[in-house]
Amino acid sequence: MDTNRKRDSATERWLAVLLRSLHLAGVVWVGAAVVAGSDVHRGAAVLMLISGLLMAALDLRAGRIAVGELAGAFVVVKLAGVVWMALDPRQAPWLFWTLLVASSVVSHAPKGFRHWPN
């Protein structure tokens, strides 16, 4: 990862904030259904998927993640899990909690872990 690369423009930063907000809205929407024991609305999973794909594209473009590192590879795993939830909502409860906990661990782990093997 090139640490000397310019971070991003103000417009790109606001786009990232908007996408993260939409993504969190989708996470809450799915989580509310899971906790209530209701079926997960496919729209919630689609909101998470589209916002997640766009956030990943921004992060890849800016060099903040690389698919060959743990953090970047995990983004691919998370997106696959969201697709799975959209296609088979019966799997949503365990997928939701697994992805939520694993995302927190990977996102907040030390830099050397997130960017392994670099």
PDB file of N, CA and C in Angstrom:
ATOM      1  N   MET A   1       0.842  -1.176   0.000  1.00  0.00           N
ATOM      2  CA  MET A   1       0.000   0.000   0.000  1.00  0.00           C
ATOM      3  C   MET A   1       0.885   1.235   0.000  1.00  0.00           C
ATOM      4  N   ASP A   2       0.580   2.206  -0.842  1.00  0.00           N
ATOM      5  CA  ASP A   2       1.364   3.425  -0.968  1.00  0.00           C
ATOM      6  C   ASP A   2       0.888   4.443   0.060  1.00  0.00           C
ATOM      7  N   THR A   3       1.677   4.638   1.127  1.00  0.00           N
ATOM      8  CA  THR A   3       1.274   5.546   2.201  1.00  0.00           C
ATOM      9  C   THR A   3       1.482   7.001   1.828  1.00  0.00           C
ATOM     10  N   ASN A   4       2.196   7.285   0.741  1.00  0.00           N
ATOM     11  CA  ASN A   4       2.416   8.661   0.314  1.00  0.00           C
ATOM     12  C   ASN A   4       1.323   9.159  -0.622  1.00  0.00           C
ATOM     13  N   ARG A   5       0.417   8.321  -0.980  1.00  0.00           N
ATOM     14  CA  ARG A   5      -0.661   8.673  -1.892  1.00  0.00           C
ATOM     15  C   ARG A   5      -1.581   9.708  -1.255  1.00  0.00           C
ATOM     16  N   LYS A   6      -2.031  10.676  -2.052  1.00  0.00           N
ATOM     17  CA  LYS A   6      -2.969  11.680  -1.540  1.00  0.00           C
ATOM     18  C   LYS A   6      -4.231  10.984  -1.066  1.00  0.00           C
ATOM     19  N   ARG A   7      -4.713  11.349   0.117  1.00  0.00           N
ATOM     20  CA  ARG A   7      -5.852  10.657   0.743  1.00  0.00           C
ATOM     21  C   ARG A   7      -7.061  10.657  -0.178  1.00  0.00           C
ATOM     22  N   ASP A   8      -7.746  11.748  -0.314  1.00  0.00           N
ATOM     23  CA  ASP A   8      -8.855  11.864  -1.252  1.00  0.00           C
ATOM     24  C   ASP A   8      -9.370  13.298  -1.230  1.00  0.00           C
ATOM     25  N   SER A   9     -10.172  13.629  -2.219  1.00  0.00           N
ATOM     26  CA  SER A   9     -10.719  14.978  -2.305  1.00  0.00           C
ATOM     27  C   SER A   9     -11.854  15.144  -1.301  1.00  0.00           C
ATOM     28  N   ALA A  10     -12.241  16.390  -1.077  1.00  0.00           N
ATOM     29  CA  ALA A  10     -13.361  16.663  -0.169  1.00  0.00           C
ATOM     30  C   ALA A  10     -14.642  16.007  -0.698  1.00  0.00           C
ATOM     31  N   THR A  11     -14.829  16.041  -2.002  1.00  0.00           N
ATOM     32  CA  THR A  11     -16.023  15.420  -2.592  1.00  0.00           C
ATOM     33  C   THR A  11     -16.020  13.914  -2.355  1.00  0.00           C
ATOM     34  N   GLU A  12     -14.855  13.290  -2.574  1.00  0.00           N
ATOM     35  CA  GLU A  12     -14.757  11.848  -2.359  1.00  0.00           C
ATOM     36  C   GLU A  12     -14.979  11.514  -0.881  1.00  0.00           C
ATOM     37  N   ARG A  13     -14.479  12.366  -0.009  1.00  0.00           N
ATOM     38  CA  ARG A  13     -14.664  12.141   1.437  1.00  0.00           C
ATOM     39  C   ARG A  13     -16.144  12.203   1.802  1.00  0.00           C
ATOM     40  N   TRP A  14     -16.871  13.194   1.278  1.00  0.00           N
ATOM     41  CA  TRP A  14     -18.304  13.298   1.571  1.00  0.00           C
ATOM     42  C   TRP A  14     -19.076  12.128   0.957  1.00  0.00           C
ATOM     43  N   LEU A  15     -18.649  11.668  -0.209  1.00  0.00           N
ATOM     44  CA  LEU A  15     -19.274  10.497  -0.808  1.00  0.00           C
ATOM     45  C   LEU A  15     -19.079   9.285   0.090  1.00  0.00           C
ATOM     46  N   ALA A  16     -17.875   9.127   0.642  1.00  0.00           N
ATOM     47  CA  ALA A  16     -17.591   8.016   1.560  1.00  0.00           C
ATOM     48  C   ALA A  16     -18.457   8.108   2.811  1.00  0.00           C
ATOM     49  N   VAL A  17     -18.651   9.316   3.324  1.00  0.00           N
ATOM     50  CA  VAL A  17     -19.510   9.512   4.508  1.00  0.00           C
ATOM     51  C   VAL A  17     -20.951   9.118   4.173  1.00  0.00           C
ATOM     52  N   LEU A  18     -21.439   9.547   3.026  1.00  0.00           N
ATOM     53  CA  LEU A  18     -22.805   9.201   2.607  1.00  0.00           C
ATOM     54  C   LEU A  18     -22.953   7.686   2.443  1.00  0.00           C
ATOM     55  N   LEU A  19     -21.992   7.063   1.779  1.00  0.00           N
ATOM     56  CA  LEU A  19     -22.064   5.615   1.563  1.00  0.00           C
ATOM     57  C   LEU A  19     -22.005   4.845   2.879  1.00  0.00           C
ATOM     58  N   ARG A  20     -21.142   5.271   3.794  1.00  0.00           N
ATOM     59  CA  ARG A  20     -21.041   4.598   5.091  1.00  0.00           C
ATOM     60  C   ARG A  20     -22.349   4.751   5.867  1.00  0.00           C
ATOM     61  N   SER A  21     -22.970   5.919   5.782  1.00  0.00           N
ATOM     62  CA  SER A  21     -24.251   6.146   6.463  1.00  0.00           C
ATOM     63  C   SER A  21     -25.337   5.247   5.886  1.00  0.00           C
ATOM     64  N   LEU A  22     -25.392   5.143   4.570  1.00  0.00           N
ATOM     65  CA  LEU A  22     -26.365   4.240   3.937  1.00  0.00           C
ATOM     66  C   LEU A  22     -26.079   2.790   4.316  1.00  0.00           C
ATOM     67  N   HIS A  23     -24.799   2.443   4.349  1.00  0.00           N
ATOM     68  CA  HIS A  23     -24.417   1.076   4.707  1.00  0.00           C
ATOM     69  C   HIS A  23     -24.857   0.748   6.134  1.00  0.00           C
ATOM     70  N   LEU A  24     -24.616   1.676   7.049  1.00  0.00           N
ATOM     71  CA  LEU A  24     -25.034   1.455   8.441  1.00  0.00           C
ATOM     72  C   LEU A  24     -26.549   1.387   8.563  1.00  0.00           C
ATOM     73  N   ALA A  25     -27.265   2.153   7.756  1.00  0.00           N
ATOM     74  CA  ALA A  25     -28.731   2.059   7.757  1.00  0.00           C
ATOM     75  C   ALA A  25     -29.161   0.644   7.339  1.00  0.00           C
ATOM     76  N   GLY A  26     -28.492   0.089   6.339  1.00  0.00           N
ATOM     77  CA  GLY A  26     -28.780  -1.281   5.925  1.00  0.00           C
ATOM     78  C   GLY A  26     -28.452  -2.284   7.004  1.00  0.00           C
ATOM     79  N   VAL A  27     -27.336  -2.081   7.702  1.00  0.00           N
ATOM     80  CA  VAL A  27     -26.941  -2.983   8.793  1.00  0.00           C
ATOM     81  C   VAL A  27     -27.989  -2.948   9.903  1.00  0.00           C
ATOM     82  N   VAL A  28     -28.437  -1.753  10.260  1.00  0.00           N
ATOM     83  CA  VAL A  28     -29.469  -1.635  11.308  1.00  0.00           C
ATOM     84  C   VAL A  28     -30.772  -2.270  10.847  1.00  0.00           C
ATOM     85  N   TRP A  29     -31.131  -2.077   9.597  1.00  0.00           N
ATOM     86  CA  TRP A  29     -32.364  -2.644   9.035  1.00  0.00           C
ATOM     87  C   TRP A  29     -32.324  -4.172   9.115  1.00  0.00           C
ATOM     88  N   VAL A  30     -31.212  -4.757   8.696  1.00  0.00           N
ATOM     89  CA  VAL A  30     -31.061  -6.214   8.778  1.00  0.00           C
ATOM     90  C   VAL A  30     -31.029  -6.662  10.237  1.00  0.00           C
ATOM     91  N   GLY A  31     -30.270  -5.964  11.062  1.00  0.00           N
ATOM     92  CA  GLY A  31     -30.164  -6.324  12.474  1.00  0.00           C
ATOM     93  C   GLY A  31     -31.495  -6.258  13.196  1.00  0.00           C
ATOM     94  N   ALA A  32     -32.301  -5.261  12.884  1.00  0.00           N
ATOM     95  CA  ALA A  32     -33.630  -5.147  13.509  1.00  0.00           C
ATOM     96  C   ALA A  32     -34.497  -6.346  13.155  1.00  0.00           C
ATOM     97  N   ALA A  33     -34.440  -6.766  11.906  1.00  0.00           N
ATOM     98  CA  ALA A  33     -35.220  -7.937  11.489  1.00  0.00           C
ATOM     99  C   ALA A  33     -34.712  -9.195  12.180  1.00  0.00           C
ATOM    100  N   VAL A  34     -33.393  -9.342  12.263  1.00  0.00           N
ATOM    101  CA  VAL A  34     -32.805 -10.524  12.902  1.00  0.00           C
ATOM    102  C   VAL A  34     -33.211 -10.581  14.370  1.00  0.00           C
ATOM    103  N   VAL A  35     -33.075  -9.459  15.075  1.00  0.00           N
ATOM    104  CA  VAL A  35     -33.412  -9.428  16.503  1.00  0.00           C
ATOM    105  C   VAL A  35     -34.899  -9.675  16.715  1.00  0.00           C
ATOM    106  N   ALA A  36     -35.740  -9.152  15.826  1.00  0.00           N
ATOM    107  CA  ALA A  36     -37.190  -9.335  15.955  1.00  0.00           C
ATOM    108  C   ALA A  36     -37.637 -10.730  15.517  1.00  0.00           C
ATOM    109  N   GLY A  37     -36.741 -11.487  14.906  1.00  0.00           N
ATOM    110  CA  GLY A  37     -37.109 -12.809  14.414  1.00  0.00           C
ATOM    111  C   GLY A  37     -37.947 -12.751  13.146  1.00  0.00           C
ATOM    112  N   SER A  38     -37.872 -11.618  12.449  1.00  0.00           N
ATOM    113  CA  SER A  38     -38.631 -11.429  11.212  1.00  0.00           C
ATOM    114  C   SER A  38     -37.771 -11.800  10.007  1.00  0.00           C
ATOM    115  N   ASP A  39     -38.426 -11.933   8.879  1.00  0.00           N
ATOM    116  CA  ASP A  39     -37.677 -12.149   7.644  1.00  0.00           C
ATOM    117  C   ASP A  39     -36.906 -10.873   7.306  1.00  0.00           C
ATOM    118  N   VAL A  40     -35.690 -11.052   6.829  1.00  0.00           N
ATOM    119  CA  VAL A  40     -34.881  -9.912   6.401  1.00  0.00           C
ATOM    120  C   VAL A  40     -35.387  -9.464   5.043  1.00  0.00           C
ATOM    121  N   HIS A  41     -35.689  -8.184   4.942  1.00  0.00           N
ATOM    122  CA  HIS A  41     -36.157  -7.617   3.682  1.00  0.00           C
ATOM    123  C   HIS A  41     -34.995  -7.608   2.697  1.00  0.00           C
ATOM    124  N   ARG A  42     -35.227  -8.092   1.512  1.00  0.00           N
ATOM    125  CA  ARG A  42     -34.166  -8.166   0.502  1.00  0.00           C
ATOM    126  C   ARG A  42     -33.577  -6.786   0.214  1.00  0.00           C
ATOM    127  N   GLY A  43     -34.389  -5.750   0.320  1.00  0.00           N
ATOM    128  CA  GLY A  43     -33.920  -4.383   0.094  1.00  0.00           C
ATOM    129  C   GLY A  43     -32.828  -3.982   1.071  1.00  0.00           C
ATOM    130  N   ALA A  44     -32.904  -4.473   2.304  1.00  0.00           N
ATOM    131  CA  ALA A  44     -31.875  -4.163   3.303  1.00  0.00           C
ATOM    132  C   ALA A  44     -30.538  -4.758   2.890  1.00  0.00           C
ATOM    133  N   ALA A  45     -30.569  -5.988   2.441  1.00  0.00           N
ATOM    134  CA  ALA A  45     -29.334  -6.647   1.993  1.00  0.00           C
ATOM    135  C   ALA A  45     -28.791  -5.971   0.736  1.00  0.00           C
ATOM    136  N   VAL A  46     -29.678  -5.574  -0.154  1.00  0.00           N
ATOM    137  CA  VAL A  46     -29.240  -4.889  -1.379  1.00  0.00           C
ATOM    138  C   VAL A  46     -28.611  -3.535  -1.035  1.00  0.00           C
ATOM    139  N   LEU A  47     -29.203  -2.817  -0.078  1.00  0.00           N
ATOM    140  CA  LEU A  47     -28.631  -1.543   0.364  1.00  0.00           C
ATOM    141  C   LEU A  47     -27.225  -1.760   0.923  1.00  0.00           C
ATOM    142  N   MET A  48     -27.056  -2.783   1.753  1.00  0.00           N
ATOM    143  CA  MET A  48     -25.726  -3.090   2.292  1.00  0.00           C
ATOM    144  C   MET A  48     -24.761  -3.478   1.176  1.00  0.00           C
ATOM    145  N   LEU A  49     -25.220  -4.263   0.232  1.00  0.00           N
ATOM    146  CA  LEU A  49     -24.356  -4.742  -0.852  1.00  0.00           C
ATOM    147  C   LEU A  49     -23.880  -3.595  -1.743  1.00  0.00           C
ATOM    148  N   ILE A  50     -24.806  -2.786  -2.206  1.00  0.00           N
ATOM    149  CA  ILE A  50     -24.438  -1.702  -3.127  1.00  0.00           C
ATOM    150  C   ILE A  50     -23.546  -0.676  -2.434  1.00  0.00           C
ATOM    151  N   SER A  51     -23.917  -0.279  -1.224  1.00  0.00           N
ATOM    152  CA  SER A  51     -23.088   0.694  -0.509  1.00  0.00           C
ATOM    153  C   SER A  51     -21.721   0.085  -0.181  1.00  0.00           C
ATOM    154  N   GLY A  52     -21.689  -1.196   0.167  1.00  0.00           N
ATOM    155  CA  GLY A  52     -20.423  -1.873   0.455  1.00  0.00           C
ATOM    156  C   GLY A  52     -19.529  -1.961  -0.764  1.00  0.00           C
ATOM    157  N   LEU A  53     -20.112  -2.292  -1.910  1.00  0.00           N
ATOM    158  CA  LEU A  53     -19.334  -2.352  -3.156  1.00  0.00           C
ATOM    159  C   LEU A  53     -18.738  -0.990  -3.498  1.00  0.00           C
ATOM    160  N   LEU A  54     -19.545   0.054  -3.366  1.00  0.00           N
ATOM    161  CA  LEU A  54     -19.062   1.392  -3.689  1.00  0.00           C
ATOM    162  C   LEU A  54     -17.988   1.862  -2.704  1.00  0.00           C
ATOM    163  N   MET A  55     -18.160   1.544  -1.407  1.00  0.00           N
ATOM    164  CA  MET A  55     -17.122   1.891  -0.424  1.00  0.00           C
ATOM    165  C   MET A  55     -15.830   1.143  -0.721  1.00  0.00           C
ATOM    166  N   ALA A  56     -15.954  -0.129  -1.063  1.00  0.00           N
ATOM    167  CA  ALA A  56     -14.770  -0.925  -1.385  1.00  0.00           C
ATOM    168  C   ALA A  56     -14.057  -0.356  -2.609  1.00  0.00           C
ATOM    169  N   ALA A  57     -14.820   0.063  -3.608  1.00  0.00           N
ATOM    170  CA  ALA A  57     -14.219   0.651  -4.812  1.00  0.00           C
ATOM    171  C   ALA A  57     -13.451   1.923  -4.463  1.00  0.00           C
ATOM    172  N   LEU A  58     -14.031   2.770  -3.615  1.00  0.00           N
ATOM    173  CA  LEU A  58     -13.337   3.991  -3.188  1.00  0.00           C
ATOM    174  C   LEU A  58     -12.056   3.658  -2.430  1.00  0.00           C
ATOM    175  N   ASP A  59     -12.137   2.682  -1.519  1.00  0.00           N
ATOM    176  CA  ASP A  59     -10.959   2.301  -0.733  1.00  0.00           C
ATOM    177  C   ASP A  59      -9.865   1.683  -1.594  1.00  0.00           C
ATOM    178  N   LEU A  60     -10.256   0.866  -2.566  1.00  0.00           N
ATOM    179  CA  LEU A  60      -9.267   0.278  -3.479  1.00  0.00           C
ATOM    180  C   LEU A  60      -8.609   1.368  -4.316  1.00  0.00           C
ATOM    181  N   ARG A  61      -9.415   2.279  -4.830  1.00  0.00           N
ATOM    182  CA  ARG A  61      -8.901   3.369  -5.659  1.00  0.00           C
ATOM    183  C   ARG A  61      -7.919   4.245  -4.889  1.00  0.00           C
ATOM    184  N   ALA A  62      -8.226   4.501  -3.628  1.00  0.00           N
ATOM    185  CA  ALA A  62      -7.378   5.368  -2.806  1.00  0.00           C
ATOM    186  C   ALA A  62      -6.200   4.626  -2.191  1.00  0.00           C
ATOM    187  N   GLY A  63      -6.151   3.302  -2.369  1.00  0.00           N
ATOM    188  CA  GLY A  63      -5.048   2.524  -1.833  1.00  0.00           C
ATOM    189  C   GLY A  63      -5.142   2.247  -0.341  1.00  0.00           C
ATOM    190  N   ARG A  64      -6.328   2.425   0.246  1.00  0.00           N
ATOM    191  CA  ARG A  64      -6.495   2.164   1.681  1.00  0.00           C
ATOM    192  C   ARG A  64      -6.597   0.672   1.977  1.00  0.00           C
ATOM    193  N   ILE A  65      -7.032  -0.101   0.984  1.00  0.00           N
ATOM    194  CA  ILE A  65      -7.080  -1.562   1.128  1.00  0.00           C
ATOM    195  C   ILE A  65      -6.512  -2.188  -0.132  1.00  0.00           C
ATOM    196  N   ALA A  66      -6.095  -3.437   0.004  1.00  0.00           N
ATOM    197  CA  ALA A  66      -5.630  -4.224  -1.140  1.00  0.00           C
ATOM    198  C   ALA A  66      -6.226  -5.618  -0.977  1.00  0.00           C
ATOM    199  N   VAL A  67      -6.720  -6.180  -2.056  1.00  0.00           N
ATOM    200  CA  VAL A  67      -7.370  -7.491  -1.996  1.00  0.00           C
ATOM    201  C   VAL A  67      -6.407  -8.563  -1.494  1.00  0.00           C
ATOM    202  N   GLY A  68      -5.114  -8.378  -1.711  1.00  0.00           N
ATOM    203  CA  GLY A  68      -4.120  -9.349  -1.267  1.00  0.00           C
ATOM    204  C   GLY A  68      -3.788  -9.285   0.213  1.00  0.00           C
ATOM    205  N   GLU A  69      -4.358  -8.331   0.911  1.00  0.00           N
ATOM    206  CA  GLU A  69      -4.164  -8.217   2.358  1.00  0.00           C
ATOM    207  C   GLU A  69      -5.414  -8.696   3.077  1.00  0.00           C
ATOM    208  N   LEU A  70      -5.279  -9.013   4.353  1.00  0.00           N
ATOM    209  CA  LEU A  70      -6.399  -9.545   5.122  1.00  0.00           C
ATOM    210  C   LEU A  70      -7.615  -8.629   5.071  1.00  0.00           C
ATOM    211  N   ALA A  71      -7.429  -7.337   5.302  1.00  0.00           N
ATOM    212  CA  ALA A  71      -8.566  -6.410   5.318  1.00  0.00           C
ATOM    213  C   ALA A  71      -9.283  -6.386   3.974  1.00  0.00           C
ATOM    214  N   GLY A  72      -8.545  -6.343   2.886  1.00  0.00           N
ATOM    215  CA  GLY A  72      -9.153  -6.321   1.559  1.00  0.00           C
ATOM    216  C   GLY A  72      -9.840  -7.624   1.208  1.00  0.00           C
ATOM    217  N   ALA A  73      -9.199  -8.742   1.553  1.00  0.00           N
ATOM    218  CA  ALA A  73      -9.812 -10.052   1.292  1.00  0.00           C
ATOM    219  C   ALA A  73     -11.086 -10.213   2.106  1.00  0.00           C
ATOM    220  N   PHE A  74     -11.078  -9.683   3.330  1.00  0.00           N
ATOM    221  CA  PHE A  74     -12.258  -9.802   4.173  1.00  0.00           C
ATOM    222  C   PHE A  74     -13.430  -9.002   3.614  1.00  0.00           C
ATOM    223  N   VAL A  75     -13.154  -7.890   2.937  1.00  0.00           N
ATOM    224  CA  VAL A  75     -14.227  -7.124   2.290  1.00  0.00           C
ATOM    225  C   VAL A  75     -14.944  -8.010   1.273  1.00  0.00           C
ATOM    226  N   VAL A  76     -14.179  -8.778   0.523  1.00  0.00           N
ATOM    227  CA  VAL A  76     -14.771  -9.697  -0.458  1.00  0.00           C
ATOM    228  C   VAL A  76     -15.643 -10.740   0.249  1.00  0.00           C
ATOM    229  N   VAL A  77     -15.157 -11.275   1.364  1.00  0.00           N
ATOM    230  CA  VAL A  77     -15.922 -12.256   2.140  1.00  0.00           C
ATOM    231  C   VAL A  77     -17.214 -11.633   2.662  1.00  0.00           C
ATOM    232  N   LYS A  78     -17.128 -10.407   3.184  1.00  0.00           N
ATOM    233  CA  LYS A  78     -18.329  -9.728   3.697  1.00  0.00           C
ATOM    234  C   LYS A  78     -19.352  -9.524   2.588  1.00  0.00           C
ATOM    235  N   LEU A  79     -18.895  -9.067   1.432  1.00  0.00           N
ATOM    236  CA  LEU A  79     -19.825  -8.841   0.326  1.00  0.00           C
ATOM    237  C   LEU A  79     -20.474 -10.147  -0.123  1.00  0.00           C
ATOM    238  N   ALA A  80     -19.708 -11.220  -0.122  1.00  0.00           N
ATOM    239  CA  ALA A  80     -20.283 -12.537  -0.462  1.00  0.00           C
ATOM    240  C   ALA A  80     -21.334 -12.942   0.573  1.00  0.00           C
ATOM    241  N   GLY A  81     -21.067 -12.667   1.847  1.00  0.00           N
ATOM    242  CA  GLY A  81     -22.043 -12.969   2.898  1.00  0.00           C
ATOM    243  C   GLY A  81     -23.320 -12.175   2.731  1.00  0.00           C
ATOM    244  N   VAL A  82     -23.209 -10.924   2.322  1.00  0.00           N
ATOM    245  CA  VAL A  82     -24.399 -10.094   2.098  1.00  0.00           C
ATOM    246  C   VAL A  82     -25.199 -10.616   0.908  1.00  0.00           C
ATOM    247  N   VAL A  83     -24.499 -11.035  -0.147  1.00  0.00           N
ATOM    248  CA  VAL A  83     -25.196 -11.641  -1.291  1.00  0.00           C
ATOM    249  C   VAL A  83     -25.944 -12.891  -0.829  1.00  0.00           C
ATOM    250  N   TRP A  84     -25.293 -13.702  -0.016  1.00  0.00           N
ATOM    251  CA  TRP A  84     -25.911 -14.923   0.512  1.00  0.00           C
ATOM    252  C   TRP A  84     -27.182 -14.577   1.289  1.00  0.00           C
ATOM    253  N   MET A  85     -27.103 -13.538   2.132  1.00  0.00           N
ATOM    254  CA  MET A  85     -28.290 -13.110   2.893  1.00  0.00           C
ATOM    255  C   MET A  85     -29.426 -12.701   1.962  1.00  0.00           C
ATOM    256  N   ALA A  86     -29.085 -11.982   0.891  1.00  0.00           N
ATOM    257  CA  ALA A  86     -30.112 -11.524  -0.050  1.00  0.00           C
ATOM    258  C   ALA A  86     -30.759 -12.698  -0.770  1.00  0.00           C
ATOM    259  N   LEU A  87     -29.956 -13.708  -1.100  1.00  0.00           N
ATOM    260  CA  LEU A  87     -30.476 -14.860  -1.830  1.00  0.00           C
ATOM    261  C   LEU A  87     -31.175 -15.877  -0.938  1.00  0.00           C
ATOM    262  N   ASP A  88     -30.760 -15.976   0.314  1.00  0.00           N
ATOM    263  CA  ASP A  88     -31.332 -16.952   1.242  1.00  0.00           C
ATOM    264  C   ASP A  88     -31.532 -16.310   2.615  1.00  0.00           C
ATOM    265  N   PRO A  89     -32.599 -15.516   2.778  1.00  0.00           N
ATOM    266  CA  PRO A  89     -32.829 -14.784   4.019  1.00  0.00           C
ATOM    267  C   PRO A  89     -32.901 -15.677   5.262  1.00  0.00           C
ATOM    268  N   ARG A  90     -33.144 -16.978   5.106  1.00  0.00           N
ATOM    269  CA  ARG A  90     -33.170 -17.874   6.272  1.00  0.00           C
ATOM    270  C   ARG A  90     -31.800 -17.976   6.934  1.00  0.00           C
ATOM    271  N   GLN A  91     -30.751 -17.690   6.170  1.00  0.00           N
ATOM    272  CA  GLN A  91     -29.390 -17.749   6.705  1.00  0.00           C
ATOM    273  C   GLN A  91     -28.965 -16.431   7.350  1.00  0.00           C
ATOM    274  N   ALA A  92     -29.821 -15.424   7.262  1.00  0.00           N
ATOM    275  CA  ALA A  92     -29.453 -14.081   7.729  1.00  0.00           C
ATOM    276  C   ALA A  92     -29.036 -14.009   9.193  1.00  0.00           C
ATOM    277  N   PRO A  93     -29.717 -14.677  10.132  1.00  0.00           N
ATOM    278  CA  PRO A  93     -29.321 -14.489  11.542  1.00  0.00           C
ATOM    279  C   PRO A  93     -27.857 -14.842  11.829  1.00  0.00           C
ATOM    280  N   TRP A  94     -27.434 -16.032  11.465  1.00  0.00           N
ATOM    281  CA  TRP A  94     -26.051 -16.399  11.784  1.00  0.00           C
ATOM    282  C   TRP A  94     -25.050 -15.632  10.923  1.00  0.00           C
ATOM    283  N   LEU A  95     -25.411 -15.360   9.661  1.00  0.00           N
ATOM    284  CA  LEU A  95     -24.526 -14.570   8.806  1.00  0.00           C
ATOM    285  C   LEU A  95     -24.366 -13.153   9.351  1.00  0.00           C
ATOM    286  N   PHE A  96     -25.478 -12.556   9.772  1.00  0.00           N
ATOM    287  CA  PHE A  96     -25.436 -11.194  10.302  1.00  0.00           C
ATOM    288  C   PHE A  96     -24.488 -11.099  11.491  1.00  0.00           C
ATOM    289  N   TRP A  97     -24.683 -11.967  12.485  1.00  0.00           N
ATOM    290  CA  TRP A  97     -23.861 -11.875  13.698  1.00  0.00           C
ATOM    291  C   TRP A  97     -22.399 -12.232  13.424  1.00  0.00           C
ATOM    292  N   THR A  98     -22.174 -13.208  12.558  1.00  0.00           N
ATOM    293  CA  THR A  98     -20.802 -13.575  12.211  1.00  0.00           C
ATOM    294  C   THR A  98     -20.087 -12.419  11.514  1.00  0.00           C
ATOM    295  N   LEU A  99     -20.741 -11.821  10.524  1.00  0.00           N
ATOM    296  CA  LEU A  99     -20.136 -10.711   9.799  1.00  0.00           C
ATOM    297  C   LEU A  99     -19.969  -9.480  10.683  1.00  0.00           C
ATOM    298  N   LEU A 100     -20.929  -9.233  11.560  1.00  0.00           N
ATOM    299  CA  LEU A 100     -20.834  -8.074  12.447  1.00  0.00           C
ATOM    300  C   LEU A 100     -19.626  -8.186  13.377  1.00  0.00           C
ATOM    301  N   VAL A 101     -19.487  -9.324  14.031  1.00  0.00           N
ATOM    302  CA  VAL A 101     -18.371  -9.505  14.971  1.00  0.00           C
ATOM    303  C   VAL A 101     -17.037  -9.543  14.217  1.00  0.00           C
ATOM    304  N   ALA A 102     -16.977 -10.308  13.142  1.00  0.00           N
ATOM    305  CA  ALA A 102     -15.731 -10.406  12.387  1.00  0.00           C
ATOM    306  C   ALA A 102     -15.328  -9.050  11.795  1.00  0.00           C
ATOM    307  N   SER A 103     -16.302  -8.279  11.348  1.00  0.00           N
ATOM    308  CA  SER A 103     -16.007  -6.945  10.806  1.00  0.00           C
ATOM    309  C   SER A 103     -15.408  -6.045  11.867  1.00  0.00           C
ATOM    310  N   SER A 104     -15.955  -6.104  13.057  1.00  0.00           N
ATOM    311  CA  SER A 104     -15.427  -5.287  14.147  1.00  0.00           C
ATOM    312  C   SER A 104     -13.986  -5.686  14.474  1.00  0.00           C
ATOM    313  N   VAL A 105     -13.732  -6.981  14.531  1.00  0.00           N
ATOM    314  CA  VAL A 105     -12.379  -7.457  14.847  1.00  0.00           C
ATOM    315  C   VAL A 105     -11.394  -7.022  13.767  1.00  0.00           C
ATOM    316  N   VAL A 106     -11.732  -7.280  12.511  1.00  0.00           N
ATOM    317  CA  VAL A 106     -10.805  -6.955  11.425  1.00  0.00           C
ATOM    318  C   VAL A 106     -10.621  -5.443  11.300  1.00  0.00           C
ATOM    319  N   SER A 107     -11.691  -4.674  11.439  1.00  0.00           N
ATOM    320  CA  SER A 107     -11.599  -3.217  11.291  1.00  0.00           C
ATOM    321  C   SER A 107     -10.782  -2.550  12.383  1.00  0.00           C
ATOM    322  N   HIS A 108     -10.829  -3.097  13.582  1.00  0.00           N
ATOM    323  CA  HIS A 108     -10.177  -2.437  14.712  1.00  0.00           C
ATOM    324  C   HIS A 108      -8.912  -3.150  15.184  1.00  0.00           C
ATOM    325  N   ALA A 109      -8.505  -4.164  14.465  1.00  0.00           N
ATOM    326  CA  ALA A 109      -7.273  -4.879  14.805  1.00  0.00           C
ATOM    327  C   ALA A 109      -6.065  -3.993  14.495  1.00  0.00           C
ATOM    328  N   PRO A 110      -4.925  -4.317  15.073  1.00  0.00           N
ATOM    329  CA  PRO A 110      -3.715  -3.542  14.760  1.00  0.00           C
ATOM    330  C   PRO A 110      -3.404  -3.555  13.259  1.00  0.00           C
ATOM    331  N   LYS A 111      -2.781  -2.490  12.809  1.00  0.00           N
ATOM    332  CA  LYS A 111      -2.466  -2.310  11.387  1.00  0.00           C
ATOM    333  C   LYS A 111      -1.720  -3.504  10.795  1.00  0.00           C
ATOM    334  N   GLY A 112      -0.775  -4.061  11.545  1.00  0.00           N
ATOM    335  CA  GLY A 112      -0.007  -5.197  11.048  1.00  0.00           C
ATOM    336  C   GLY A 112      -0.866  -6.413  10.759  1.00  0.00           C
ATOM    337  N   PHE A 113      -1.948  -6.580  11.521  1.00  0.00           N
ATOM    338  CA  PHE A 113      -2.881  -7.690  11.304  1.00  0.00           C
ATOM    339  C   PHE A 113      -3.759  -7.417  10.081  1.00  0.00           C
ATOM    340  N   ARG A 114      -4.331  -6.211  10.032  1.00  0.00           N
ATOM    341  CA  ARG A 114      -5.239  -5.850   8.923  1.00  0.00           C
ATOM    342  C   ARG A 114      -4.539  -5.916   7.575  1.00  0.00           C
ATOM    343  N   HIS A 115      -3.284  -5.500   7.546  1.00  0.00           N
ATOM    344  CA  HIS A 115      -2.567  -5.426   6.273  1.00  0.00           C
ATOM    345  C   HIS A 115      -1.633  -6.613   6.050  1.00  0.00           C
ATOM    346  N   TRP A 116      -1.850  -7.688   6.806  1.00  0.00           N
ATOM    347  CA  TRP A 116      -1.070  -8.907   6.614  1.00  0.00           C
ATOM    348  C   TRP A 116      -1.372  -9.465   5.227  1.00  0.00           C
ATOM    349  N   PRO A 117      -0.444  -9.940   4.479  1.00  0.00           N
ATOM    350  CA  PRO A 117       0.931 -10.295   4.782  1.00  0.00           C
ATOM    351  C   PRO A 117       1.955  -9.205   4.515  1.00  0.00           C
ATOM    352  N   ASN A 118       1.560  -7.972   4.246  1.00  0.00           N
ATOM    353  CA  ASN A 118       2.560  -6.906   3.994  1.00  0.00           C
ATOM    354  C   ASN A 118       3.205  -6.401   5.244  1.00  0.00           C
TER     355      ASN A 118
END
